[in-house]
Amino acid sequence: MAQAFRAFLVDQHEDQFVGDFKEITLDHLPDGDVTIRVHYSSINFKDMLATRAHNKIIRKYPMIPGIDLAGVVMESEHPSFKEGDKVIATGYDLGVSHYGGFSEVARVSGDWLVHLPDDLTLEEAMIIGTAGFTAALSIQLLEDNKITSTNGPVLVRGATGGVGSMAVMMLNEIGYKVVASSGHKDYHEKLLELGAREVISRVEDVTEKALTHTQWQAAIDPVGGETVSEVLKRIHPHGAVALSGNVSGNTFSSTVFPFILRGIRLIGVDSVSFPMKRRQHLWRRLSKDLKPRYLHDVKNVIPFEQLQDGLDCVQNHDFIGRIVVDLRPDANN
């Protein structure tokens, strides 16, 4: 009999939605040329949504959620990977239409995998995870658009969340003046400890003015919603906004004036299908100049059996930083 292992499966039939731990075997895993013993995963906002009824994340059921994983290769038919290699997987179809990281064993395409950089541990890779990768990608895209550390402050919205807290630390690491925006006043002091020079409340008031006085040269925005328009009005001429999320909504309205009178650039950030060569480069940066010195200060590590508690914590926004799921067998003893 094939050896069984644990996975967290969600399934939906009409109005009934179920998410629970199941014992499955390798025969249950989808096609792929690399099989991985998962050591760590993490909980992103997207993962929380994927475990709720009537979500728009999961494309087919049953599904193992988890858009991140880090572990050790058990078997490989892919030329770039061999047994014993330490690997990272984020994005692509993982945890959406292909069984994801909330499983003690995973099987994926080797084309989705990145070798773990020498200066990162598997746990650190998942403290970073998709949230940290998105923050790093936002920074890279701002740099590609001539945003530098000498031209004024950078606003980080949703600064207590995964993307936001990572962006605060990474920007500080490479010399930017960071203005952190958060509605969670209890965490303002913590954000200053992580590297923010200033902490402000949420950008909430949408004014009727087409433009207003400028405050920041750029913004990293995983929040989205109607207040994106207000952020655009306050960006210095020839600045940029890197937009990666929709926690506060899917739409916003704006005049053309920030773009045609101040030359503001609105940059979309897609961490799911980012090209592999640039993805590998970014993970190298995440092990070097973008690796936050306070990385372990924002981790909340939980054993696999406490996954549901971690998902509820993300839904309730009652923590700062990142929740890492430890799937190693000895973590649950």
Protein backbone atom coordinates (compact mmCIF):
# COMPACT_ATOMS: atom_id res chain seq x y z
CA MET A 1 0.00 0.00 0.00
CA ALA A 2 1.27 3.47 -0.88
CA GLN A 3 2.39 5.56 2.08
CA ALA A 4 -0.24 8.09 3.18
CA PHE A 5 0.36 11.73 4.10
CA ARG A 6 -1.81 14.62 5.24
CA ALA A 7 -3.28 17.36 3.12
CA PHE A 8 -5.89 20.06 3.68
CA LEU A 9 -8.57 19.69 1.00
CA VAL A 10 -11.47 21.96 0.19
CA ASP A 11 -14.51 20.78 -1.75
CA GLN A 12 -17.77 22.39 -2.80
CA HIS A 13 -21.04 20.83 -3.91
CA GLU A 14 -23.82 23.30 -4.62
CA ASP A 15 -24.28 25.14 -1.29
CA GLN A 16 -22.10 22.82 0.80
CA PHE A 17 -18.46 23.81 1.29
CA VAL A 18 -16.04 21.64 3.28
CA GLY A 19 -12.39 22.17 4.23
CA ASP A 20 -10.61 19.56 6.31
CA PHE A 21 -7.50 17.43 6.71
CA LYS A 22 -7.42 14.21 4.69
CA GLU A 23 -5.00 11.35 4.32
CA ILE A 24 -4.03 10.85 0.69
CA THR A 25 -1.28 9.08 -1.25
CA LEU A 26 0.97 9.95 -4.17
CA ASP A 27 -1.67 8.49 -6.49
CA HIS A 28 -3.98 11.38 -5.57
CA LEU A 29 -1.50 14.05 -6.64
CA PRO A 30 -1.80 15.74 -10.03
CA ASP A 31 0.64 15.37 -12.90
CA GLY A 32 4.06 16.97 -12.60
CA ASP A 33 7.68 16.04 -13.09
CA VAL A 34 8.93 16.94 -9.59
CA THR A 35 7.65 15.49 -6.28
CA ILE A 36 8.50 17.51 -3.16
CA ARG A 37 8.47 16.78 0.53
CA VAL A 38 7.00 20.06 1.75
CA HIS A 39 8.69 21.50 4.83
CA TYR A 40 6.97 24.89 4.98
CA SER A 41 4.12 26.81 3.43
CA SER A 42 2.59 30.16 4.36
CA ILE A 43 -0.81 31.79 4.60
CA ASN A 44 -1.54 34.64 2.23
CA PHE A 45 -4.78 36.63 2.03
CA LYS A 46 -5.51 34.72 -1.18
CA ASP A 47 -5.16 31.41 0.68
CA MET A 48 -7.66 32.53 3.29
CA LEU A 49 -10.15 33.43 0.57
CA ALA A 50 -9.58 30.06 -1.11
CA THR A 51 -10.76 28.24 2.02
CA ARG A 52 -14.06 30.13 2.22
CA ALA A 53 -17.31 29.19 0.51
CA HIS A 54 -18.19 30.72 -2.85
CA ASN A 55 -14.73 32.13 -3.33
CA LYS A 56 -13.46 33.24 -6.72
CA ILE A 57 -9.97 31.79 -6.21
CA ILE A 58 -10.37 28.03 -6.65
CA ARG A 59 -11.01 27.08 -10.27
CA LYS A 60 -11.92 23.43 -9.72
CA TYR A 61 -12.76 21.12 -6.82
CA PRO A 62 -11.57 19.26 -4.84
CA MET A 63 -8.46 21.38 -4.30
CA ILE A 64 -5.51 21.61 -1.93
CA PRO A 65 -4.99 25.37 -1.37
CA GLY A 66 -1.67 27.02 -0.62
CA ILE A 67 -0.01 29.25 -3.21
CA ASP A 68 3.44 28.85 -1.57
CA LEU A 69 5.66 25.93 -0.65
CA ALA A 70 9.27 25.21 0.18
CA GLY A 71 10.75 21.77 0.56
CA VAL A 72 13.09 19.04 -0.63
CA VAL A 73 12.84 17.13 -3.90
CA MET A 74 11.87 13.47 -3.43
CA GLU A 75 11.73 12.48 -7.10
CA SER A 76 12.41 14.38 -10.30
CA GLU A 77 12.14 13.84 -14.04
CA HIS A 78 13.01 17.48 -14.72
CA PRO A 79 16.56 18.17 -15.96
CA SER A 80 17.08 21.14 -13.59
CA PHE A 81 16.25 19.30 -10.36
CA LYS A 82 17.38 16.15 -8.58
CA GLU A 83 16.56 14.29 -5.39
CA GLY A 84 17.68 16.26 -2.34
CA ASP A 85 17.47 19.72 -3.95
CA LYS A 86 15.88 22.44 -1.83
CA VAL A 87 13.25 24.31 -3.83
CA ILE A 88 10.67 27.09 -3.66
CA ALA A 89 7.37 27.32 -5.52
CA THR A 90 5.13 30.39 -5.58
CA GLY A 91 2.47 31.50 -8.03
CA TYR A 92 1.49 29.88 -11.32
CA ASP A 93 -1.53 27.58 -10.81
CA LEU A 94 -0.40 26.39 -7.37
CA GLY A 95 -3.29 26.18 -4.92
CA VAL A 96 -5.74 27.51 -7.51
CA SER A 97 -6.16 24.86 -10.21
CA HIS A 98 -3.24 22.60 -9.19
CA TYR A 99 -2.85 21.03 -5.73
CA GLY A 100 -0.89 23.47 -3.60
CA GLY A 101 1.28 23.83 -0.54
CA PHE A 102 -1.10 22.77 2.25
CA SER A 103 0.06 19.18 1.84
CA GLU A 104 2.96 17.23 3.29
CA VAL A 105 3.87 16.14 -0.25
CA ALA A 106 3.34 18.05 -3.49
CA ARG A 107 3.90 17.30 -7.16
CA VAL A 108 4.40 20.20 -9.58
CA SER A 109 6.01 21.13 -12.86
CA GLY A 110 9.71 21.77 -12.50
CA ASP A 111 9.19 24.85 -14.65
CA TRP A 112 7.49 26.44 -11.62
CA LEU A 113 10.38 25.82 -9.23
CA VAL A 114 13.28 27.96 -8.07
CA HIS A 115 16.37 26.53 -6.36
CA LEU A 116 16.64 27.80 -2.78
CA PRO A 117 19.38 30.49 -2.73
CA ASP A 118 22.38 29.71 -0.53
CA ASP A 119 21.68 32.55 1.89
CA LEU A 120 18.08 31.56 2.64
CA THR A 121 16.66 28.72 4.71
CA LEU A 122 13.45 26.95 3.71
CA GLU A 123 11.69 28.64 6.62
CA GLU A 124 12.95 32.08 5.54
CA ALA A 125 11.75 31.43 2.00
CA MET A 126 8.24 30.98 3.38
CA ILE A 127 8.44 33.96 5.72
CA ILE A 128 8.97 35.81 2.46
CA GLY A 129 6.59 33.71 0.32
CA THR A 130 4.29 35.24 -2.25
CA ALA A 131 3.75 38.31 -0.07
CA GLY A 132 7.46 39.08 0.16
CA PHE A 133 8.02 38.20 -3.47
CA THR A 134 5.25 40.64 -4.42
CA ALA A 135 6.83 43.34 -2.27
CA ALA A 136 10.23 42.72 -3.87
CA LEU A 137 8.70 42.73 -7.34
CA SER A 138 6.97 46.03 -6.58
CA ILE A 139 10.32 47.51 -5.55
CA GLN A 140 12.04 46.12 -8.65
CA LEU A 141 9.39 47.60 -10.93
CA LEU A 142 9.64 50.99 -9.21
CA GLU A 143 13.41 50.89 -9.66
CA ASP A 144 12.93 49.99 -13.32
CA ASN A 145 10.88 53.18 -13.55
CA LYS A 146 13.68 55.35 -12.14
CA ILE A 147 12.45 55.55 -8.54
CA THR A 148 15.51 55.91 -6.30
CA SER A 149 16.18 56.23 -2.59
CA THR A 150 17.38 59.84 -2.97
CA ASN A 151 14.21 61.34 -4.45
CA GLY A 152 11.83 61.38 -1.52
CA PRO A 153 9.68 59.09 0.61
CA VAL A 154 7.79 56.01 -0.56
CA LEU A 155 4.34 55.26 0.79
CA VAL A 156 3.51 51.66 1.73
CA ARG A 157 -0.21 50.98 2.11
CA GLY A 158 -1.58 48.11 4.19
CA ALA A 159 1.70 48.14 6.09
CA THR A 160 0.73 45.54 8.70
CA GLY A 161 -0.18 42.94 6.07
CA GLY A 162 2.17 40.48 4.41
CA VAL A 163 3.07 42.55 1.34
CA GLY A 164 3.09 45.80 3.30
CA SER A 165 5.27 44.70 6.22
CA MET A 166 7.74 43.08 3.82
CA ALA A 167 7.86 46.20 1.66
CA VAL A 168 8.54 48.40 4.71
CA MET A 169 11.50 46.24 5.73
CA MET A 170 12.93 45.81 2.23
CA LEU A 171 12.72 49.49 1.33
CA ASN A 172 14.41 50.40 4.60
CA GLU A 173 17.11 47.82 3.90
CA ILE A 174 18.12 49.54 0.66
CA GLY A 175 17.98 53.09 1.98
CA TYR A 176 14.51 54.43 1.22
CA LYS A 177 12.56 56.69 3.55
CA VAL A 178 9.37 54.70 4.20
CA VAL A 179 6.01 56.15 5.15
CA ALA A 180 3.86 53.27 6.39
CA SER A 181 0.08 53.54 6.17
CA SER A 182 -2.08 51.43 8.49
CA GLY A 183 -5.40 51.67 10.24
CA HIS A 184 -4.17 49.39 13.05
CA LYS A 185 -2.91 51.91 15.62
CA ASP A 186 -1.75 49.16 17.97
CA TYR A 187 0.97 48.24 15.47
CA HIS A 188 2.30 51.71 14.65
CA GLU A 189 5.22 51.37 17.07
CA LYS A 190 6.09 47.97 15.58
CA LEU A 191 6.19 49.46 12.08
CA LEU A 192 8.69 52.06 13.27
CA GLU A 193 10.83 49.23 14.67
CA LEU A 194 10.69 47.45 11.30
CA GLY A 195 12.07 50.47 9.47
CA ALA A 196 9.29 52.96 8.77
CA ARG A 197 10.39 56.58 9.27
CA GLU A 198 6.79 57.70 9.70
CA VAL A 199 3.47 55.94 10.26
CA ILE A 200 0.15 57.43 9.14
CA SER A 201 -3.43 56.22 9.24
CA ARG A 202 -5.18 54.82 6.18
CA VAL A 203 -5.54 56.99 3.11
CA GLU A 204 -9.33 57.10 3.20
CA ASP A 205 -10.79 60.45 2.15
CA VAL A 206 -11.47 60.68 -1.58
CA THR A 207 -11.62 64.39 -2.43
CA GLU A 208 -13.21 66.01 -5.44
CA LYS A 209 -9.99 67.76 -6.42
CA ALA A 210 -8.30 66.34 -9.52
CA LEU A 211 -4.87 66.97 -7.95
CA THR A 212 -3.61 67.96 -4.53
CA HIS A 213 -0.29 68.73 -2.84
CA THR A 214 2.27 66.00 -3.35
CA GLN A 215 3.69 63.93 -0.49
CA TRP A 216 5.49 60.86 -1.84
CA GLN A 217 7.65 60.04 -4.85
CA ALA A 218 6.08 56.56 -5.14
CA ALA A 219 3.74 54.10 -3.45
CA ILE A 220 3.50 50.35 -3.01
CA ASP A 221 -0.18 49.51 -2.88
CA PRO A 222 -1.51 46.02 -2.09
CA VAL A 223 -4.81 47.54 -0.93
CA GLY A 224 -6.54 48.79 -4.06
CA GLY A 225 -10.07 50.17 -4.01
CA GLU A 226 -11.37 53.69 -4.53
CA THR A 227 -8.59 55.36 -2.52
CA VAL A 228 -6.02 54.49 -5.21
CA SER A 229 -7.23 57.66 -6.92
CA GLU A 230 -6.35 59.69 -3.82
CA VAL A 231 -2.86 58.20 -3.71
CA LEU A 232 -2.30 59.09 -7.37
CA LYS A 233 -3.15 62.74 -6.64
CA ARG A 234 -0.40 62.95 -4.01
CA ILE A 235 2.53 61.41 -5.92
CA HIS A 236 5.40 63.72 -6.91
CA PRO A 237 5.75 64.53 -10.63
CA HIS A 238 7.19 61.60 -12.58
CA GLY A 239 6.63 59.26 -9.66
CA ALA A 240 4.91 55.88 -9.72
CA VAL A 241 2.45 53.62 -7.94
CA ALA A 242 2.98 49.83 -7.91
CA LEU A 243 -0.46 48.27 -7.51
CA SER A 244 -0.68 44.61 -6.47
CA GLY A 245 -3.89 44.01 -4.54
CA ASN A 246 -7.60 44.52 -4.13
CA VAL A 247 -8.23 44.05 -0.41
CA SER A 248 -10.36 47.22 -0.36
CA GLY A 249 -12.03 46.69 -3.70
CA ASN A 250 -11.59 45.93 -7.39
CA THR A 251 -12.26 49.34 -8.87
CA PHE A 252 -11.36 52.99 -8.61
CA SER A 253 -12.06 56.09 -10.68
CA SER A 254 -9.58 58.80 -11.59
CA THR A 255 -9.19 61.75 -13.86
CA VAL A 256 -6.40 61.74 -16.42
CA PHE A 257 -4.64 64.66 -14.73
CA PRO A 258 -2.16 62.76 -12.52
CA PHE A 259 -0.95 61.06 -15.67
CA ILE A 260 -0.90 63.91 -18.19
CA LEU A 261 0.01 66.83 -15.90
CA ARG A 262 2.45 65.08 -13.54
CA GLY A 263 3.56 62.09 -15.58
CA ILE A 264 2.58 59.58 -12.88
CA ARG A 265 2.96 55.91 -13.80
CA LEU A 266 0.53 53.28 -12.52
CA ILE A 267 2.33 49.93 -12.60
CA GLY A 268 0.51 46.62 -12.35
CA VAL A 269 2.30 43.97 -10.26
CA ASP A 270 1.68 40.35 -11.30
CA SER A 271 3.60 37.91 -9.12
CA VAL A 272 1.70 34.83 -10.36
CA SER A 273 3.13 34.49 -13.86
CA PHE A 274 6.24 36.64 -13.62
CA PRO A 275 8.87 35.29 -16.09
CA MET A 276 11.14 32.61 -14.62
CA LYS A 277 14.51 34.22 -15.42
CA ARG A 278 13.49 37.45 -13.72
CA ARG A 279 11.86 35.41 -10.93
CA GLN A 280 15.17 33.66 -10.26
CA HIS A 281 16.97 37.01 -10.24
CA LEU A 282 14.49 38.41 -7.74
CA TRP A 283 14.89 35.43 -5.39
CA ARG A 284 18.65 36.03 -5.49
CA ARG A 285 18.01 39.63 -4.46
CA LEU A 286 15.74 38.35 -1.68
CA SER A 287 18.69 36.40 -0.31
CA LYS A 288 21.01 39.43 -0.61
CA ASP A 289 20.21 43.15 -0.60
CA LEU A 290 16.43 42.77 -0.18
CA LYS A 291 16.63 40.27 2.69
CA PRO A 292 15.31 42.14 5.73
CA ARG A 293 17.44 42.09 8.85
CA TYR A 294 14.20 41.88 10.87
CA LEU A 295 12.77 39.02 8.80
CA HIS A 296 12.30 36.70 11.77
CA ASP A 297 10.59 39.46 13.77
CA VAL A 298 7.48 39.23 11.57
CA LYS A 299 7.08 35.46 11.48
CA ASN A 300 4.32 33.56 13.24
CA VAL A 301 5.15 29.85 12.83
CA ILE A 302 2.35 27.35 13.42
CA PRO A 303 2.22 23.56 13.02
CA PHE A 304 0.16 22.15 10.15
CA GLU A 305 -2.58 21.00 12.52
CA GLN A 306 -3.26 24.65 13.46
CA LEU A 307 -3.79 25.74 9.86
CA GLN A 308 -7.44 26.64 10.36
CA ASP A 309 -6.55 28.90 13.28
CA GLY A 310 -4.00 30.64 11.08
CA LEU A 311 -6.54 31.12 8.29
CA ASP A 312 -8.99 32.68 10.75
CA CYS A 313 -6.24 34.96 12.02
CA VAL A 314 -5.61 36.25 8.49
CA GLN A 315 -9.32 36.81 7.97
CA ASN A 316 -9.56 38.84 11.18
CA HIS A 317 -6.39 40.89 10.46
CA ASP A 318 -5.28 40.44 14.07
CA PHE A 319 -1.54 40.11 13.55
CA ILE A 320 1.34 41.83 11.79
CA GLY A 321 3.63 40.13 9.30
CA ARG A 322 3.53 36.55 8.06
CA ILE A 323 2.08 33.22 9.18
CA VAL A 324 4.35 30.29 8.29
CA VAL A 325 2.99 26.74 8.33
CA ASP A 326 5.47 24.08 9.47
CA LEU A 327 4.62 20.79 7.72
CA ARG A 328 7.60 18.79 8.95
CA PRO A 329 6.46 15.65 10.82
CA ASP A 330 8.29 16.56 14.04
CA ALA A 331 6.63 20.01 14.10
CA ASN A 332 3.35 18.44 15.20
CA ASN A 333 4.76 16.30 17.99
